[in-house]
Amino acid sequence: MPSASSSLNATRRERDLDDLAGGGVVDLLVVGGGVTGAGVALDAASRGLSVVLVDKHDLAFGTSRWSSKLVHGGLRYLATGHVGIAYESAHERAILIERTAPHLVRALPNVFPLTESVSHRTAAMIRAGQLAGDTLRRAAGTSNAILPRSRRVSGMEVRRYAPTVRAEGLRGGLVFWDGQLVDDVRLVVALARTAASLGARVLTRTAAVEVSGTGALLRDELTGSTLQVDARMVVNAAGVWAGTLADGITMRPSRGTHLVVRDETLGGLTGALNLPVPGTSSRFILVLPAGDGRVYIGLTDEEVHGEIPDVPTASEDEITFLLETVSLSLQRPLTRDDVIGTFSGLRPLLDAGEGETSDLSRKHVVLTGDDGLVSVVGGKLTTYRRMAEDAVDAALTASGRSAGPCRTTNLPLVGSADRATLGGIVAPARLVARYGTEATDVVAEAGGDRSLLEPLAPHVPTVPAELRWAVRHEGALDVDDLLDRRTRVGLVAADRELALPFAEAALSR
């Protein structure tokens, strides 16, 4: 069973809040429970600092659960000349896929079909970028055994990866390999639980009402009670909401939307499709096999004005754009009826003046306020670890304090193991891919009741034992935590309705 110190649940949350109410100063307070905030908490806790992480809602409530689920090596940044960001991405990908979370990251073939709409010049540019990506992979130390070299493939091979690609005019394809998460929320939860195993207090449903460089006034969103927490250092990792906590920070978020379709709609993808956007040479639509019988299609880039919503929603224009663009390369055009769900996330971009949001830098920035409050903004999911390291270093510098060196380049997350060990675990493969070495513990939640290891419903391979596990060990406090984050059942409204009684039963225990 997992060590008690890594388990997050309602009992531990209540105990940690009571302890904080007793007074004392913590070394580091982190505001924001997304991938960056969880990464900061883990980095600091692994250096021996006392840490409190708070989020108004839940782990991975914001942008971190709305990504394309890719751990990418920076190929897209090479196209825009951002070599430094590209190398950083390749380096961080190597850490995740080989050392810290091999149970959550798999190699994914990305296929560029050379259709009639892809000119020979564009094909040559893509191929040159792939070769440069191979160089980055080698420089980052990732072997061919983990991520094979890119290559040209025949039209027949393209259709083996993606059977519904239009055969007419297809002159082959280009394939490169990248990393893909089984799910982005699984990574955030693993980070938070690993931090908790090192003593960090992880408090969801806990809002930071007033924040400074020396602490914050917190409010328990479940009871309404407040408490003041004094901290030697404070890191603002609130993502698109960072500007609401710190003066002088203006965010310029852009919305990225994905469609959700059934896997059978696209004939059973075994690789991701990269399809060109007409009239551009560097924009592509991604068609991503997502597991659990689903495929994600994205990604848009629409600037968002006004108040930032808690849960962004796709516009009909975005849905139409994605459907029409993808359909240009398919034997059968997709229609609105093929879409079983959508999700949208807001990129936490720092405002850099004029220009399109698609032109704004994806490089992260760490800013220190006059009161010592450290804010980390921008960046990408793949580079969360480096963002966290830089934020903790900045907080230590601002406070004049010291701590041990960063350990997260080699610190395995809960459930992690080498691939040989993972391959020998006696548990359903789907559970091993989501929980790693803890898959056998998830199975044990069934207590011998085989019905708890059966899918919740057709098209919903999540099993009831996972819901029980999430309540007892992953900090799930309500139905939304279970269905919309710990599992992704809620991405499809019809599936969510079928799963609702099982979620309520897990919480009732």
Protein backbone atom coordinates (compact mmCIF):
# COMPACT_ATOMS: atom_id res chain seq x y z
CA MET A 1 0.00 0.00 0.00
CA PRO A 2 1.13 3.62 -0.46
CA SER A 3 2.82 5.29 2.48
CA ALA A 4 0.34 7.25 4.58
CA SER A 5 2.34 10.41 3.91
CA SER A 6 1.65 10.30 0.16
CA SER A 7 -2.11 9.92 0.50
CA LEU A 8 -4.33 12.97 0.09
CA ASN A 9 -7.88 12.85 1.43
CA ALA A 10 -10.45 14.82 3.39
CA THR A 11 -9.08 13.68 6.75
CA ARG A 12 -5.55 14.79 5.96
CA ARG A 13 -6.80 18.11 4.60
CA GLU A 14 -8.71 18.84 7.82
CA ARG A 15 -5.70 17.90 9.94
CA ASP A 16 -3.33 20.09 7.92
CA LEU A 17 -5.68 23.07 8.17
CA ASP A 18 -5.91 22.59 11.94
CA ASP A 19 -2.12 22.47 12.18
CA LEU A 20 -1.79 25.69 10.20
CA ALA A 21 -4.35 27.42 12.39
CA GLY A 22 -2.09 26.65 15.33
CA GLY A 23 0.40 29.24 14.09
CA GLY A 24 4.06 29.12 13.17
CA VAL A 25 5.88 30.15 10.01
CA VAL A 26 6.22 27.93 6.94
CA ASP A 27 9.20 28.16 4.64
CA LEU A 28 7.24 28.38 1.38
CA LEU A 29 3.61 29.02 0.48
CA VAL A 30 2.58 28.15 -3.09
CA VAL A 31 -0.63 29.58 -4.54
CA GLY A 32 -1.94 27.51 -7.44
CA GLY A 33 -2.44 23.76 -7.76
CA GLY A 34 -1.71 23.30 -11.46
CA VAL A 35 1.33 21.56 -12.87
CA THR A 36 3.62 24.51 -12.10
CA GLY A 37 2.41 25.00 -8.55
CA ALA A 38 2.59 21.28 -7.80
CA GLY A 39 6.07 21.26 -9.33
CA VAL A 40 7.13 24.16 -7.10
CA ALA A 41 5.80 22.37 -4.02
CA LEU A 42 7.71 19.21 -4.92
CA ASP A 43 10.94 21.07 -5.69
CA ALA A 44 10.84 22.96 -2.41
CA ALA A 45 9.81 19.98 -0.27
CA SER A 46 12.58 17.86 -1.82
CA ARG A 47 15.09 20.53 -0.75
CA GLY A 48 14.00 20.12 2.86
CA LEU A 49 11.72 23.17 3.08
CA SER A 50 8.35 23.18 4.83
CA VAL A 51 5.71 23.76 2.17
CA VAL A 52 2.03 24.63 1.92
CA LEU A 53 0.25 24.46 -1.46
CA VAL A 54 -3.22 25.98 -1.76
CA ASP A 55 -5.76 26.13 -4.56
CA LYS A 56 -9.20 27.71 -4.51
CA HIS A 57 -10.66 24.78 -6.41
CA ASP A 58 -8.82 21.51 -7.00
CA LEU A 59 -5.57 20.11 -8.32
CA ALA A 60 -5.30 20.74 -12.08
CA PHE A 61 -8.52 22.75 -12.07
CA GLY A 62 -7.27 25.29 -14.61
CA THR A 63 -5.11 25.15 -17.72
CA SER A 64 -3.20 22.05 -16.63
CA ARG A 65 -6.12 19.72 -17.40
CA TRP A 66 -6.90 21.24 -20.79
CA SER A 67 -3.62 20.57 -22.62
CA SER A 68 -3.09 18.35 -25.66
CA LYS A 69 -1.52 15.82 -23.23
CA LEU A 70 1.80 16.02 -25.10
CA VAL A 71 5.30 15.96 -23.64
CA HIS A 72 6.89 17.45 -26.69
CA GLY A 73 10.51 17.96 -27.59
CA GLY A 74 10.21 21.48 -28.92
CA LEU A 75 9.94 20.77 -32.65
CA ARG A 76 7.40 23.58 -33.10
CA TYR A 77 9.80 26.07 -31.52
CA LEU A 78 12.55 25.22 -33.99
CA ALA A 79 10.25 26.39 -36.77
CA THR A 80 10.11 29.85 -35.18
CA GLY A 81 13.83 30.01 -34.40
CA HIS A 82 13.47 29.58 -30.62
CA VAL A 83 16.29 27.06 -30.30
CA GLY A 84 16.77 27.64 -26.56
CA ILE A 85 13.15 26.84 -25.76
CA ALA A 86 13.29 23.84 -28.09
CA TYR A 87 16.32 22.39 -26.33
CA GLU A 88 14.79 23.03 -22.90
CA SER A 89 11.67 21.14 -24.00
CA ALA A 90 13.71 18.20 -25.31
CA HIS A 91 15.74 18.11 -22.09
CA GLU A 92 12.65 18.15 -19.87
CA ARG A 93 10.94 15.54 -22.04
CA ALA A 94 13.92 13.24 -21.47
CA ILE A 95 13.64 13.66 -17.71
CA LEU A 96 9.93 12.81 -17.69
CA ILE A 97 9.94 9.91 -20.13
CA GLU A 98 13.07 8.19 -18.80
CA ARG A 99 13.48 9.10 -15.13
CA THR A 100 10.69 10.76 -13.20
CA ALA A 101 7.45 9.53 -14.80
CA PRO A 102 7.98 6.75 -17.36
CA HIS A 103 4.71 5.20 -16.17
CA LEU A 104 2.76 8.26 -17.33
CA VAL A 105 4.54 9.06 -20.60
CA ARG A 106 4.65 6.95 -23.75
CA ALA A 107 6.27 7.37 -27.14
CA LEU A 108 3.83 8.60 -29.76
CA PRO A 109 4.40 8.51 -33.54
CA ASN A 110 3.38 11.78 -35.20
CA VAL A 111 2.44 11.43 -38.85
CA PHE A 112 2.48 14.23 -41.45
CA PRO A 113 0.52 12.90 -44.45
CA LEU A 114 1.91 14.37 -47.67
CA THR A 115 -1.40 15.20 -49.29
CA GLU A 116 -2.04 17.36 -52.33
CA SER A 117 -2.31 20.43 -50.08
CA VAL A 118 1.26 19.96 -48.77
CA SER A 119 3.72 21.43 -51.27
CA HIS A 120 7.11 19.86 -51.88
CA ARG A 121 8.70 22.96 -50.33
CA THR A 122 6.61 22.61 -47.16
CA ALA A 123 7.41 18.89 -47.00
CA ALA A 124 11.12 19.68 -47.25
CA MET A 125 10.80 22.21 -44.41
CA ILE A 126 8.98 19.69 -42.22
CA ARG A 127 11.59 17.04 -42.92
CA ALA A 128 14.42 19.45 -42.08
CA GLY A 129 12.68 20.28 -38.80
CA GLN A 130 12.33 16.61 -37.95
CA LEU A 131 16.03 16.00 -38.54
CA ALA A 132 16.81 18.96 -36.28
CA GLY A 133 14.45 17.43 -33.73
CA ASP A 134 16.44 14.18 -33.92
CA THR A 135 19.54 16.20 -33.09
CA LEU A 136 17.78 17.76 -30.09
CA ARG A 137 16.70 14.32 -28.90
CA ARG A 138 20.27 13.05 -29.02
CA ALA A 139 21.58 16.18 -27.31
CA ALA A 140 19.05 15.68 -24.52
CA GLY A 141 20.26 12.10 -24.08
CA THR A 142 17.09 10.29 -25.16
CA SER A 143 17.93 7.04 -26.91
CA ASN A 144 16.44 5.63 -30.12
CA ALA A 145 15.04 2.81 -28.01
CA ILE A 146 12.75 5.29 -26.25
CA LEU A 147 12.04 7.66 -29.14
CA PRO A 148 12.97 6.30 -32.60
CA ARG A 149 14.46 8.49 -35.29
CA SER A 150 12.15 10.33 -37.67
CA ARG A 151 11.69 8.86 -41.15
CA ARG A 152 9.79 8.98 -44.41
CA VAL A 153 6.99 6.44 -44.87
CA SER A 154 4.85 5.23 -47.75
CA GLY A 155 1.21 6.09 -48.26
CA MET A 156 0.32 2.57 -47.18
CA GLU A 157 2.18 3.07 -43.88
CA VAL A 158 0.42 6.41 -43.33
CA ARG A 159 -2.92 4.62 -43.62
CA ARG A 160 -1.79 1.89 -41.23
CA TYR A 161 -1.31 4.63 -38.63
CA ALA A 162 -4.52 6.42 -39.65
CA PRO A 163 -6.90 4.32 -41.78
CA THR A 164 -9.29 7.18 -42.58
CA VAL A 165 -6.69 9.46 -44.24
CA ARG A 166 -7.69 10.21 -47.84
CA ALA A 167 -5.79 7.95 -50.21
CA GLU A 168 -6.28 10.11 -53.32
CA GLY A 169 -3.20 12.22 -53.95
CA LEU A 170 -1.36 10.82 -50.93
CA ARG A 171 2.35 10.57 -51.75
CA GLY A 172 3.56 9.14 -48.46
CA GLY A 173 4.27 10.81 -45.16
CA LEU A 174 6.81 11.94 -42.60
CA VAL A 175 6.91 10.47 -39.09
CA PHE A 176 8.63 11.67 -35.94
CA TRP A 177 8.28 10.43 -32.37
CA ASP A 178 7.38 12.51 -29.35
CA GLY A 179 6.06 11.99 -25.82
CA GLN A 180 2.43 11.72 -24.77
CA LEU A 181 0.95 11.72 -21.28
CA VAL A 182 -1.70 9.17 -20.45
CA ASP A 183 -3.41 12.24 -18.99
CA ASP A 184 -2.23 15.65 -17.80
CA VAL A 185 -4.17 15.53 -14.52
CA ARG A 186 -2.48 12.24 -13.64
CA LEU A 187 0.86 14.09 -13.77
CA VAL A 188 -0.35 16.93 -11.53
CA VAL A 189 -1.80 14.53 -8.97
CA ALA A 190 1.43 12.51 -8.96
CA LEU A 191 3.47 15.69 -8.38
CA ALA A 192 1.24 16.80 -5.52
CA ARG A 193 1.27 13.39 -3.85
CA THR A 194 5.03 13.09 -4.18
CA ALA A 195 5.36 16.51 -2.55
CA ALA A 196 2.98 15.35 0.18
CA SER A 197 5.16 12.29 0.78
CA LEU A 198 7.97 14.71 1.57
CA GLY A 199 5.86 16.63 4.07
CA ALA A 200 4.14 19.26 1.94
CA ARG A 201 0.62 20.27 2.97
CA VAL A 202 -1.62 20.16 -0.13
CA LEU A 203 -4.86 22.05 0.47
CA THR A 204 -7.55 22.18 -2.18
CA ARG A 205 -10.76 24.26 -1.75
CA THR A 206 -8.52 26.79 0.01
CA ALA A 207 -8.48 30.28 -1.48
CA ALA A 208 -5.69 32.83 -1.07
CA VAL A 209 -7.74 35.96 -0.35
CA GLU A 210 -4.84 38.35 0.26
CA VAL A 211 -1.27 37.52 -0.77
CA SER A 212 2.09 39.15 -0.12
CA GLY A 213 5.70 38.09 -0.11
CA THR A 214 5.43 37.11 3.55
CA GLY A 215 2.21 35.14 3.67
CA ALA A 216 -1.46 35.08 2.84
CA LEU A 217 -4.94 35.19 4.28
CA LEU A 218 -6.53 31.86 3.41
CA ARG A 219 -10.20 30.94 3.30
CA ASP A 220 -11.53 27.41 3.57
CA GLU A 221 -14.05 27.27 0.73
CA LEU A 222 -15.89 24.39 2.42
CA THR A 223 -16.53 26.12 5.76
CA GLY A 224 -15.91 29.81 5.07
CA SER A 225 -13.40 30.07 7.94
CA THR A 226 -10.21 32.10 7.42
CA LEU A 227 -6.69 31.87 8.73
CA GLN A 228 -3.50 33.84 8.31
CA VAL A 229 -0.43 31.88 7.19
CA ASP A 230 2.97 33.48 7.61
CA ALA A 231 5.67 32.33 5.21
CA ARG A 232 9.32 33.09 4.65
CA MET A 233 8.71 32.81 0.89
CA VAL A 234 5.62 32.92 -1.33
CA VAL A 235 5.30 31.79 -4.94
CA ASN A 236 2.40 32.86 -7.13
CA ALA A 237 1.76 30.00 -9.56
CA ALA A 238 -1.83 30.89 -10.37
CA GLY A 239 -1.41 30.65 -14.15
CA VAL A 240 -3.87 32.81 -16.07
CA TRP A 241 -5.00 34.31 -12.75
CA ALA A 242 -1.45 35.34 -11.69
CA GLY A 243 -2.19 39.01 -12.39
CA THR A 244 -4.98 39.01 -9.80
CA LEU A 245 -2.47 38.22 -7.05
CA ALA A 246 0.50 40.39 -8.00
CA ASP A 247 0.76 44.01 -9.11
CA GLY A 248 2.42 44.78 -12.43
CA ILE A 249 1.56 41.49 -14.11
CA THR A 250 -0.75 41.61 -17.11
CA MET A 251 -1.73 38.32 -18.64
CA ARG A 252 -2.95 37.96 -22.20
CA PRO A 253 -4.54 34.52 -22.31
CA SER A 254 -5.45 32.74 -25.50
CA ARG A 255 -7.96 29.91 -25.76
CA GLY A 256 -7.00 26.57 -27.20
CA THR A 257 -9.91 24.26 -28.02
CA HIS A 258 -10.04 20.52 -28.64
CA LEU A 259 -12.83 18.31 -29.92
CA VAL A 260 -13.48 14.83 -28.53
CA VAL A 261 -14.60 12.06 -30.91
CA ARG A 262 -14.86 8.29 -30.59
CA ASP A 263 -11.84 6.29 -31.67
CA GLU A 264 -13.91 4.24 -34.13
CA THR A 265 -14.89 7.44 -35.95
CA LEU A 266 -11.30 7.66 -37.19
CA GLY A 267 -10.80 3.96 -37.76
CA GLY A 268 -8.58 3.30 -34.76
CA LEU A 269 -5.59 5.63 -34.79
CA THR A 270 -2.22 4.19 -33.80
CA GLY A 271 -0.39 7.48 -34.25
CA ALA A 272 -1.13 11.20 -34.11
CA LEU A 273 -1.95 13.09 -37.28
CA ASN A 274 -0.44 16.50 -37.99
CA LEU A 275 -2.60 18.16 -40.66
CA PRO A 276 -1.78 21.52 -42.27
CA VAL A 277 -3.98 24.59 -41.86
CA PRO A 278 -4.65 25.91 -45.38
CA GLY A 279 -2.82 29.10 -46.22
CA THR A 280 -0.12 28.66 -43.57
CA SER A 281 3.27 26.95 -43.53
CA SER A 282 3.71 26.42 -39.79
CA ARG A 283 0.23 25.81 -38.31
CA PHE A 284 -1.10 22.27 -37.99
CA ILE A 285 -4.16 20.60 -36.52
CA LEU A 286 -3.41 17.64 -34.25
CA VAL A 287 -5.51 14.47 -34.23
CA LEU A 288 -4.42 12.60 -31.11
CA PRO A 289 -5.31 9.08 -29.95
CA ALA A 290 -6.14 9.65 -26.30
CA GLY A 291 -6.88 6.18 -24.95
CA ASP A 292 -10.14 5.07 -23.35
CA GLY A 293 -11.70 4.96 -26.83
CA ARG A 294 -11.31 8.69 -27.50
CA VAL A 295 -9.50 10.96 -29.93
CA TYR A 296 -8.72 14.65 -29.36
CA ILE A 297 -8.67 17.11 -32.26
CA GLY A 298 -7.07 20.53 -31.75
CA LEU A 299 -5.80 23.18 -31.41
CA THR A 300 -7.06 26.71 -31.82
CA ASP A 301 -5.48 29.99 -30.69
CA GLU A 302 -8.09 32.63 -29.89
CA GLU A 303 -7.33 35.69 -27.77
CA VAL A 304 -9.58 36.04 -24.72
CA HIS A 305 -10.78 39.46 -23.57
CA GLY A 306 -12.48 40.50 -20.36
CA GLU A 307 -12.95 38.46 -17.20
CA ILE A 308 -11.18 35.11 -17.13
CA PRO A 309 -13.69 32.25 -16.80
CA ASP A 310 -13.10 29.39 -14.38
CA VAL A 311 -13.96 26.88 -17.11
CA PRO A 312 -13.50 28.14 -20.70
CA THR A 313 -15.84 26.85 -23.39
CA ALA A 314 -15.40 26.30 -27.10
CA SER A 315 -17.05 28.61 -29.58
CA GLU A 316 -19.04 27.24 -32.52
CA ASP A 317 -16.57 28.98 -34.86
CA GLU A 318 -13.70 27.01 -33.33
CA ILE A 319 -15.60 23.75 -33.61
CA THR A 320 -16.43 24.43 -37.24
CA PHE A 321 -12.83 25.44 -38.04
CA LEU A 322 -11.41 22.24 -36.55
CA LEU A 323 -13.96 20.00 -38.27
CA GLU A 324 -13.51 21.61 -41.67
CA THR A 325 -9.71 21.63 -41.50
CA VAL A 326 -9.42 18.01 -40.43
CA SER A 327 -11.95 16.87 -43.00
CA LEU A 328 -9.79 18.13 -45.87
CA SER A 329 -7.44 15.18 -45.24
CA LEU A 330 -9.99 12.46 -44.51
CA GLN A 331 -11.92 10.03 -46.68
CA ARG A 332 -15.14 10.97 -44.91
CA PRO A 333 -15.61 14.53 -43.66
CA LEU A 334 -16.40 14.83 -39.96
CA THR A 335 -19.64 16.46 -38.92
CA ARG A 336 -20.97 18.07 -35.77
CA ASP A 337 -22.68 14.76 -34.95
CA ASP A 338 -19.25 13.09 -34.64
CA VAL A 339 -18.29 15.42 -31.77
CA ILE A 340 -19.08 13.86 -28.39
CA GLY A 341 -17.40 16.55 -26.32
CA THR A 342 -15.13 19.58 -26.34
CA PHE A 343 -12.64 21.15 -23.96
CA SER A 344 -10.85 24.48 -23.94
CA GLY A 345 -7.91 25.82 -21.97
CA LEU A 346 -6.37 29.25 -21.56
CA ARG A 347 -2.67 29.65 -22.28
CA PRO A 348 -1.10 31.72 -19.47
CA LEU A 349 0.74 34.16 -21.75
CA LEU A 350 2.46 37.25 -20.37
CA ASP A 351 1.36 40.41 -22.20
CA ALA A 352 4.26 41.61 -24.36
CA GLY A 353 2.45 44.35 -26.28
CA GLU A 354 1.10 44.28 -29.80
CA GLY A 355 0.81 41.29 -32.11
CA GLU A 356 -1.17 38.07 -32.21
CA THR A 357 -1.27 35.79 -29.16
CA SER A 358 0.16 33.05 -31.37
CA ASP A 359 3.30 35.20 -31.65
CA LEU A 360 3.78 35.66 -27.90
CA SER A 361 6.70 33.78 -26.37
CA ARG A 362 5.98 30.45 -24.67
CA LYS A 363 9.11 30.84 -22.54
CA HIS A 364 8.38 31.11 -18.85
CA VAL A 365 9.20 34.22 -16.83
CA VAL A 366 9.92 34.53 -13.11
CA LEU A 367 9.18 37.94 -11.58
CA THR A 368 9.93 39.16 -8.05
CA GLY A 369 7.79 41.95 -6.58
CA ASP A 370 8.94 44.70 -4.26
CA ASP A 371 7.53 42.76 -1.30
CA GLY A 372 9.39 39.58 -2.29
CA LEU A 373 6.38 37.81 -3.86
CA VAL A 374 7.70 35.57 -6.64
CA SER A 375 5.43 34.98 -9.64
CA VAL A 376 6.09 32.37 -12.32
CA VAL A 377 4.12 32.80 -15.54
CA GLY A 378 4.08 31.49 -19.10
CA GLY A 379 5.83 28.29 -20.06
CA LYS A 380 4.49 24.92 -21.17
CA LEU A 381 3.41 21.75 -19.41
CA THR A 382 6.54 19.92 -20.61
CA THR A 383 8.85 22.43 -18.92
CA TYR A 384 7.01 22.64 -15.59
CA ARG A 385 9.98 21.18 -13.69
CA ARG A 386 12.40 23.84 -14.91
CA MET A 387 9.84 26.54 -14.18
CA ALA A 388 9.49 25.22 -10.64
CA GLU A 389 13.25 25.09 -10.10
CA ASP A 390 13.66 28.68 -11.30
CA ALA A 391 10.80 29.89 -9.09
CA VAL A 392 12.21 28.26 -5.94
CA ASP A 393 15.69 29.61 -6.72
CA ALA A 394 14.21 33.10 -7.15
CA ALA A 395 12.30 32.83 -3.87
CA LEU A 396 15.44 31.78 -2.01
CA THR A 397 17.36 34.69 -3.51
CA ALA A 398 14.63 37.22 -2.69
CA SER A 399 14.41 36.05 0.91
CA GLY A 400 18.17 35.71 1.41
CA ARG A 401 17.72 32.12 2.50
CA SER A 402 19.39 28.89 1.47
CA ALA A 403 18.31 25.32 0.94
CA GLY A 404 19.61 22.13 -0.56
CA PRO A 405 20.15 21.79 -4.30
CA CYS A 406 17.33 20.98 -6.71
CA ARG A 407 16.67 17.22 -6.77
CA THR A 408 13.80 16.92 -9.20
CA THR A 409 15.82 15.90 -12.27
CA ASN A 410 16.13 12.42 -10.77
CA LEU A 411 13.29 12.24 -8.26
CA PRO A 412 10.71 9.62 -9.34
CA LEU A 413 7.06 10.45 -8.84
CA VAL A 414 4.71 8.12 -6.97
CA GLY A 415 4.04 5.02 -9.05
CA SER A 416 7.19 5.45 -11.13
CA ALA A 417 9.47 2.58 -12.14
CA ASP A 418 11.63 1.55 -15.05
CA ARG A 419 9.85 0.06 -18.03
CA ALA A 420 10.98 -3.49 -17.29
CA THR A 421 9.44 -3.30 -13.82
CA LEU A 422 6.26 -1.74 -15.14
CA GLY A 423 5.97 -4.50 -17.73
CA GLY A 424 6.06 -7.13 -15.01
CA ILE A 425 3.26 -5.73 -12.85
CA VAL A 426 0.35 -8.15 -12.53
CA ALA A 427 -2.57 -5.80 -13.10
CA PRO A 428 -4.66 -4.62 -16.05
CA ALA A 429 -2.48 -2.75 -18.56
CA ARG A 430 -4.79 0.27 -18.52
CA LEU A 431 -4.32 0.66 -14.76
CA VAL A 432 -0.54 0.25 -15.00
CA ALA A 433 -0.46 3.04 -17.60
CA ARG A 434 -2.33 5.37 -15.23
CA TYR A 435 -1.00 4.35 -11.81
CA GLY A 436 2.32 2.62 -12.43
CA THR A 437 3.44 0.47 -9.51
CA GLU A 438 0.32 1.49 -7.59
CA ALA A 439 -1.91 -0.34 -10.07
CA THR A 440 -1.99 -3.39 -7.79
CA ASP A 441 -3.14 -1.13 -4.92
CA VAL A 442 -5.96 0.21 -7.08
CA VAL A 443 -6.99 -3.38 -7.80
CA ALA A 444 -6.90 -4.08 -4.06
CA GLU A 445 -9.53 -1.36 -3.56
CA ALA A 446 -12.00 -3.86 -5.01
CA GLY A 447 -11.50 -6.08 -1.96
CA GLY A 448 -12.27 -9.20 -3.97
CA ASP A 449 -15.45 -7.74 -5.49
CA ARG A 450 -14.83 -8.26 -9.22
CA SER A 451 -17.66 -5.89 -10.14
CA LEU A 452 -15.49 -3.01 -8.89
CA LEU A 453 -12.98 -3.82 -11.63
CA GLU A 454 -15.54 -3.79 -14.43
CA PRO A 455 -15.99 -0.71 -16.68
CA LEU A 456 -18.53 1.81 -15.43
CA ALA A 457 -20.44 1.65 -18.71
CA PRO A 458 -19.97 1.07 -22.44
CA HIS A 459 -17.35 3.50 -23.77
CA VAL A 460 -16.32 4.22 -20.14
CA PRO A 461 -13.40 1.93 -19.22
CA THR A 462 -12.85 3.62 -15.84
CA VAL A 463 -13.58 1.14 -13.06
CA PRO A 464 -15.23 1.81 -9.66
CA ALA A 465 -12.03 0.87 -7.82
CA GLU A 466 -10.33 3.91 -9.37
CA LEU A 467 -12.97 6.17 -7.87
CA ARG A 468 -12.48 4.65 -4.43
CA TRP A 469 -8.71 5.07 -4.80
CA ALA A 470 -9.11 8.72 -5.76
CA VAL A 471 -11.18 9.46 -2.65
CA ARG A 472 -8.81 7.67 -0.27
CA HIS A 473 -5.45 8.63 -1.76
CA GLU A 474 -5.73 11.38 -4.38
CA GLY A 475 -7.64 14.11 -2.56
CA ALA A 476 -10.94 13.87 -4.45
CA LEU A 477 -13.58 15.62 -2.37
CA ASP A 478 -16.64 15.62 -4.61
CA VAL A 479 -18.17 14.26 -7.81
CA ASP A 480 -16.51 16.90 -10.00
CA ASP A 481 -13.07 15.97 -8.64
CA LEU A 482 -13.74 12.33 -9.48
CA LEU A 483 -15.33 12.59 -12.92
CA ASP A 484 -13.78 15.77 -14.32
CA ARG A 485 -10.22 15.52 -13.03
CA ARG A 486 -9.06 12.28 -11.35
CA THR A 487 -10.71 10.54 -14.28
CA ARG A 488 -11.75 12.28 -17.51
CA VAL A 489 -15.15 10.66 -17.79
CA GLY A 490 -16.76 14.10 -17.64
CA LEU A 491 -15.37 15.16 -21.02
CA VAL A 492 -18.39 13.38 -22.53
CA ALA A 493 -21.66 14.49 -20.93
CA ALA A 494 -23.45 11.24 -21.68
CA ASP A 495 -20.65 9.18 -20.13
CA ARG A 496 -20.62 11.44 -17.08
CA GLU A 497 -24.30 10.83 -16.48
CA LEU A 498 -23.76 7.07 -16.55
CA ALA A 499 -20.83 7.31 -14.13
CA LEU A 500 -22.50 9.64 -11.63
CA PRO A 501 -24.00 6.94 -9.35
CA PHE A 502 -20.61 5.22 -9.08
CA ALA A 503 -18.93 8.48 -8.08
CA GLU A 504 -21.57 9.15 -5.43
CA ALA A 505 -21.11 5.62 -4.09
CA ALA A 506 -17.32 6.07 -3.82
CA LEU A 507 -17.77 9.33 -1.90
CA SER A 508 -20.36 7.84 0.43
CA ARG A 509 -17.77 5.41 1.77
